[in-house]
Protein backbone atom coordinates (compact mmCIF):
# COMPACT_ATOMS: atom_id res chain seq x y z
CA UNK A 1 -15.62 9.83 -2.70
CA UNK A 2 -17.56 8.42 -5.66
CA UNK A 3 -15.41 8.97 -8.73
CA UNK A 4 -17.87 7.71 -11.37
CA UNK A 5 -18.58 11.06 -13.03
CA UNK A 6 -15.19 12.71 -12.57
CA UNK A 7 -12.96 13.42 -15.55
CA UNK A 8 -9.94 14.53 -13.53
CA UNK A 9 -8.21 13.11 -10.46
CA UNK A 10 -5.57 14.26 -8.02
CA UNK A 11 -1.94 13.53 -8.76
CA UNK A 12 -0.50 14.99 -5.60
CA UNK A 13 -1.80 18.56 -5.48
CA UNK A 14 -2.27 18.67 -9.27
CA UNK A 15 -5.44 17.66 -11.11
CA UNK A 16 -4.82 15.45 -14.15
CA UNK A 17 -7.14 13.60 -16.55
CA UNK A 18 -8.19 10.31 -14.93
CA UNK A 19 -6.75 8.27 -17.80
CA UNK A 20 -3.29 9.78 -17.21
CA UNK A 21 -2.85 9.03 -13.51
CA UNK A 22 -1.75 5.40 -13.85
CA UNK A 23 1.06 6.36 -16.21
CA UNK A 24 2.16 9.24 -13.99
CA UNK A 25 2.25 7.05 -10.87
CA UNK A 26 4.14 4.41 -12.87
CA UNK A 27 6.72 7.06 -13.75
CA UNK A 28 7.22 7.91 -10.09
CA UNK A 29 7.80 4.32 -9.05
CA UNK A 30 9.96 3.52 -12.08
CA UNK A 31 12.12 6.36 -10.86
CA UNK A 32 12.30 5.37 -7.18
CA UNK A 33 12.24 1.54 -7.42
CA UNK A 34 15.98 0.95 -7.10
CA UNK A 35 16.23 3.23 -4.04
CA UNK A 36 12.83 2.46 -2.54
CA UNK A 37 14.02 0.47 0.48
CA UNK A 38 16.76 2.96 1.34
CA UNK A 39 14.38 5.88 1.07
CA UNK A 40 11.74 4.15 3.21
CA UNK A 41 14.29 3.75 5.98
CA UNK A 42 15.43 7.35 5.69
CA UNK A 43 11.92 8.82 5.32
CA UNK A 44 10.56 7.04 8.38
CA UNK A 45 13.81 6.73 10.36
CA UNK A 46 13.27 2.98 10.18
CA UNK A 47 9.86 3.13 11.84
CA UNK A 48 8.12 1.68 8.76
CA UNK A 49 9.58 -1.68 9.78
CA UNK A 50 7.75 -1.49 13.12
CA UNK A 51 4.49 -0.50 11.41
CA UNK A 52 4.79 -3.49 9.09
CA UNK A 53 5.74 -5.83 11.92
CA UNK A 54 2.64 -4.78 13.87
CA UNK A 55 0.52 -5.43 10.78
CA UNK A 56 2.00 -8.91 10.41
CA UNK A 57 1.45 -9.73 14.09
CA UNK A 58 -2.22 -8.73 13.89
CA UNK A 59 -2.86 -10.62 10.65
CA UNK A 60 -3.56 -14.00 12.24
CA UNK A 61 -1.90 -15.75 9.28
CA UNK A 62 -1.25 -19.44 9.77
CA UNK A 63 0.35 -22.30 7.78
CA UNK A 64 -1.69 -23.13 4.68
CA UNK A 65 -3.20 -19.69 4.23
CA UNK A 66 -3.19 -17.86 0.89
CA UNK A 67 -2.14 -14.20 1.01
CA UNK A 68 -2.22 -11.41 -1.55
CA UNK A 69 0.35 -8.68 -0.90
CA UNK A 70 -1.14 -6.01 -3.15
CA UNK A 71 1.12 -3.11 -4.14
CA UNK A 72 3.71 -5.43 -2.63
CA UNK A 73 6.64 -3.46 -3.99
CA UNK A 74 9.98 -4.71 -2.78
CA UNK A 75 8.48 -7.52 -0.74
CA UNK A 76 8.79 -6.70 2.96
CA UNK A 77 5.38 -8.16 3.83
CA UNK A 78 5.66 -10.96 1.28
CA UNK A 79 8.88 -12.15 2.91
CA UNK A 80 7.31 -12.28 6.37
CA UNK A 81 4.10 -13.96 5.21
CA UNK A 82 6.06 -16.53 3.19
CA UNK A 83 7.57 -17.79 6.43
CA UNK A 84 4.20 -17.88 8.17
CA UNK A 85 2.15 -19.69 5.54
CA UNK A 86 4.82 -22.37 5.14
CA UNK A 87 5.06 -25.06 2.49
CA UNK A 88 1.30 -25.61 2.30
CA UNK A 89 0.45 -21.93 1.85
CA UNK A 90 1.08 -19.32 -0.81
CA UNK A 91 1.83 -15.62 -1.06
CA UNK A 92 1.24 -13.58 -4.20
CA UNK A 93 3.19 -10.33 -4.57
CA UNK A 94 1.19 -8.14 -6.95
CA UNK A 95 1.95 -4.62 -8.09
CA UNK A 96 0.82 -2.51 -11.02
CA UNK A 97 4.40 -1.39 -11.54
CA UNK A 98 6.71 -3.83 -13.31
CA UNK A 99 9.84 -2.15 -11.94
CA UNK A 100 8.71 -2.69 -8.36
CA UNK A 101 7.75 -6.33 -9.00
CA UNK A 102 11.16 -6.94 -10.54
CA UNK A 103 12.99 -5.42 -7.57
CA UNK A 104 10.86 -7.43 -5.12
CA UNK A 105 11.31 -10.69 -7.03
CA UNK A 106 15.07 -10.26 -7.33
CA UNK A 107 15.42 -9.35 -3.68
CA UNK A 108 13.42 -12.30 -2.33
CA UNK A 109 14.98 -14.76 -4.79
CA UNK A 110 18.43 -13.65 -3.63
CA UNK A 111 17.30 -14.38 -0.06
CA UNK A 112 16.21 -17.90 -1.04
CA UNK A 113 12.46 -17.30 -0.85
CA UNK A 114 11.32 -19.20 -3.92
CA UNK A 115 8.97 -22.07 -3.04
CA UNK A 116 5.71 -20.46 -1.97
CA UNK A 117 5.73 -16.99 -3.55
CA UNK A 118 4.32 -15.96 -6.94
CA UNK A 119 4.73 -12.59 -8.63
CA UNK A 120 2.31 -10.81 -10.93
CA UNK A 121 1.60 -7.40 -12.41
CA UNK A 122 -1.95 -6.52 -11.43
CA UNK A 123 -4.13 -3.42 -11.28
CA UNK A 124 -5.94 -3.12 -7.95
CA UNK A 125 -9.03 -1.88 -9.78
CA UNK A 126 -9.25 -5.06 -11.90
CA UNK A 127 -7.56 -7.90 -10.03
CA UNK A 128 -6.67 -10.91 -12.14
CA UNK A 129 -7.81 -13.45 -9.53
CA UNK A 130 -10.94 -15.52 -9.03
CA UNK A 131 -13.58 -14.74 -6.44
CA UNK A 132 -12.99 -16.02 -2.89
CA UNK A 133 -9.27 -16.78 -3.39
CA UNK A 134 -7.40 -15.22 -0.46
CA UNK A 135 -7.48 -15.53 3.32
CA UNK A 136 -5.77 -12.14 3.62
CA UNK A 137 -5.12 -9.16 1.37
CA UNK A 138 -2.59 -6.57 2.51
CA UNK A 139 -1.85 -3.22 0.94
CA UNK A 140 0.99 -1.25 2.52
CA UNK A 141 1.48 2.34 1.35
CA UNK A 142 -0.18 1.67 -1.99
CA UNK A 143 -3.86 2.60 -1.79
CA UNK A 144 -3.22 6.34 -1.95
CA UNK A 145 -1.71 5.90 -5.43
CA UNK A 146 -4.77 4.08 -6.82
CA UNK A 147 -6.93 6.11 -9.20
CA UNK A 148 -10.33 4.67 -8.21
CA UNK A 149 -10.04 3.59 -4.59
CA UNK A 150 -13.71 2.59 -4.35
CA UNK A 151 -13.30 0.13 -7.22
CA UNK A 152 -10.09 -1.26 -5.72
CA UNK A 153 -11.81 -1.91 -2.39
CA UNK A 154 -14.67 -3.68 -4.18
CA UNK A 155 -12.17 -5.85 -6.06
CA UNK A 156 -10.32 -6.73 -2.88
CA UNK A 157 -13.61 -7.70 -1.24
CA UNK A 158 -14.41 -9.91 -4.24
CA UNK A 159 -11.16 -11.89 -4.11
CA UNK A 160 -11.25 -12.42 -0.35
CA UNK A 161 -12.64 -15.69 0.97
CA UNK A 162 -15.60 -15.52 3.36
CA UNK A 163 -13.99 -14.88 6.72
CA UNK A 164 -11.03 -13.20 5.02
CA UNK A 165 -9.44 -9.93 6.08
CA UNK A 166 -8.13 -6.81 4.35
CA UNK A 167 -5.31 -4.86 6.03
CA UNK A 168 -4.45 -1.45 4.58
CA UNK A 169 -1.39 0.21 6.08
CA UNK A 170 -1.27 3.81 4.90
CA UNK A 171 -0.13 7.28 5.81
CA UNK A 172 -3.07 9.17 7.26
CA UNK A 173 -4.13 12.31 9.12
CA UNK A 174 -2.01 13.29 12.12
CA UNK A 175 -4.22 13.75 15.17
CA UNK A 176 -1.93 15.93 17.31
CA UNK A 177 -1.82 19.57 16.09
CA UNK A 178 1.81 20.36 16.98
CA UNK A 179 3.00 17.08 15.49
CA UNK A 180 0.93 17.81 12.37
CA UNK A 181 2.77 21.12 11.87
CA UNK A 182 6.17 19.48 12.34
CA UNK A 183 5.19 16.66 10.00
CA UNK A 184 4.10 19.12 7.31
CA UNK A 185 7.42 20.97 7.57
CA UNK A 186 9.33 17.71 7.28
CA UNK A 187 7.23 16.44 4.37
CA UNK A 188 7.46 19.53 2.19
CA UNK A 189 10.83 21.03 3.16
CA UNK A 190 13.06 18.10 4.04
CA UNK A 191 11.69 14.97 2.35
CA UNK A 192 12.01 16.22 -1.27
CA UNK A 193 15.58 17.40 -0.57
CA UNK A 194 16.41 13.95 0.82
CA UNK A 195 14.95 12.45 -2.34
CA UNK A 196 17.25 14.63 -4.41
CA UNK A 197 20.29 13.78 -2.28
CA UNK A 198 19.77 10.01 -2.02
CA UNK A 199 17.84 9.14 -5.17
CA UNK A 200 18.56 12.19 -7.34
CA UNK A 201 14.80 12.62 -7.61
CA UNK A 202 13.25 15.56 -5.79
CA UNK A 203 10.08 15.64 -7.88
CA UNK A 204 8.94 12.08 -7.11
CA UNK A 205 9.29 12.59 -3.39
CA UNK A 206 7.41 15.87 -3.61
CA UNK A 207 4.58 13.85 -5.19
CA UNK A 208 4.76 11.22 -2.44
CA UNK A 209 4.38 13.93 0.23
CA UNK A 210 1.47 15.50 -1.64
CA UNK A 211 -0.24 12.15 -2.22
CA UNK A 212 -0.35 11.54 1.52
CA UNK A 213 -2.25 14.80 2.07
CA UNK A 214 -4.76 13.93 -0.67
CA UNK A 215 -5.50 10.47 0.74
CA UNK A 216 -8.82 10.01 2.60
CA UNK A 217 -8.57 10.43 6.36
CA UNK A 218 -9.17 7.58 8.77
CA UNK A 219 -12.95 7.84 9.14
CA UNK A 220 -13.49 8.51 5.44
CA UNK A 221 -11.55 5.41 4.43
CA UNK A 222 -13.38 3.33 7.02
CA UNK A 223 -16.66 4.45 5.47
CA UNK A 224 -15.40 3.62 1.99
CA UNK A 225 -14.55 0.09 3.11
CA UNK A 226 -18.04 -0.44 4.51
CA UNK A 227 -19.58 0.94 1.31
CA UNK A 228 -17.44 -1.47 -0.73
CA UNK A 229 -19.12 -4.37 1.05
CA UNK A 230 -16.96 -5.12 4.07
CA UNK A 231 -19.11 -6.36 6.91
CA UNK A 232 -16.91 -4.77 9.56
CA UNK A 233 -14.15 -2.15 9.41
CA UNK A 234 -11.91 -0.46 11.95
CA UNK A 235 -8.59 1.35 12.15
CA UNK A 236 -5.68 1.71 14.52
CA UNK A 237 -3.66 4.94 14.57
CA UNK A 238 0.11 4.64 14.89
CA UNK A 239 2.40 7.50 15.88
CA UNK A 240 -0.54 9.86 16.36
CA UNK A 241 -2.04 9.04 13.00
CA UNK A 242 1.04 9.50 10.82
CA UNK A 243 0.07 5.99 9.76
CA UNK A 244 -3.18 4.12 10.23
CA UNK A 245 -3.78 0.40 9.95
CA UNK A 246 -7.23 -0.19 8.47
CA UNK A 247 -8.82 -3.61 8.82
CA UNK A 248 -11.92 -4.94 7.08
CA UNK A 249 -13.59 -8.36 7.21
CA UNK A 250 -15.70 -10.32 4.72
CA UNK A 251 -18.18 -12.47 6.62
């Protein structure tokens, strides 16, 4: 998975010059930002809320902790962690895409969540935070869009405090063959049409389906986390591997 000497990178099933991927991903999320929450509910039949809830329950976050919700998007995890860290803690919602940060900030501000949440535009490959800052870093459905995943994992390790935890919630490889076939049919025949119907954007949702297939499988990503410096890594499959929750610890 080392990308040091590559000049091209996957953008869905297409190879593009490495320097162009960030702009192309930005275009996708500029396009889907205003409909992102609706589409998440439709795409997953609401199950993404259960996946995120399970992630939150396993996080061990307590009052006073400092959390980075990386690729935080519209703020589902930020909202939950804000309540858990309380007045003495802090949550930072960071995303490389300004449109997503704006939607998340407006949504949470409208819900009265203003006292312990900060917002920033940040590239996962070059995080604008000091070493040993966060008790927890979460990344839900964002890592597969990162150009250099190895570098992003190294950066996350750097900004975690000793004893801190990374939680990556991401679509992964389905482990049950019949379900895998059904999932492929849904992803490539139904999902893009739903994107066209609901968001008037078939192309972006075609990319999202393709990006899932190009993402490292469970064991590969676990190995990448260990290579990035994490002292321990594991994963939990959900819904037969449609999604996996990866966890890594910095001792």
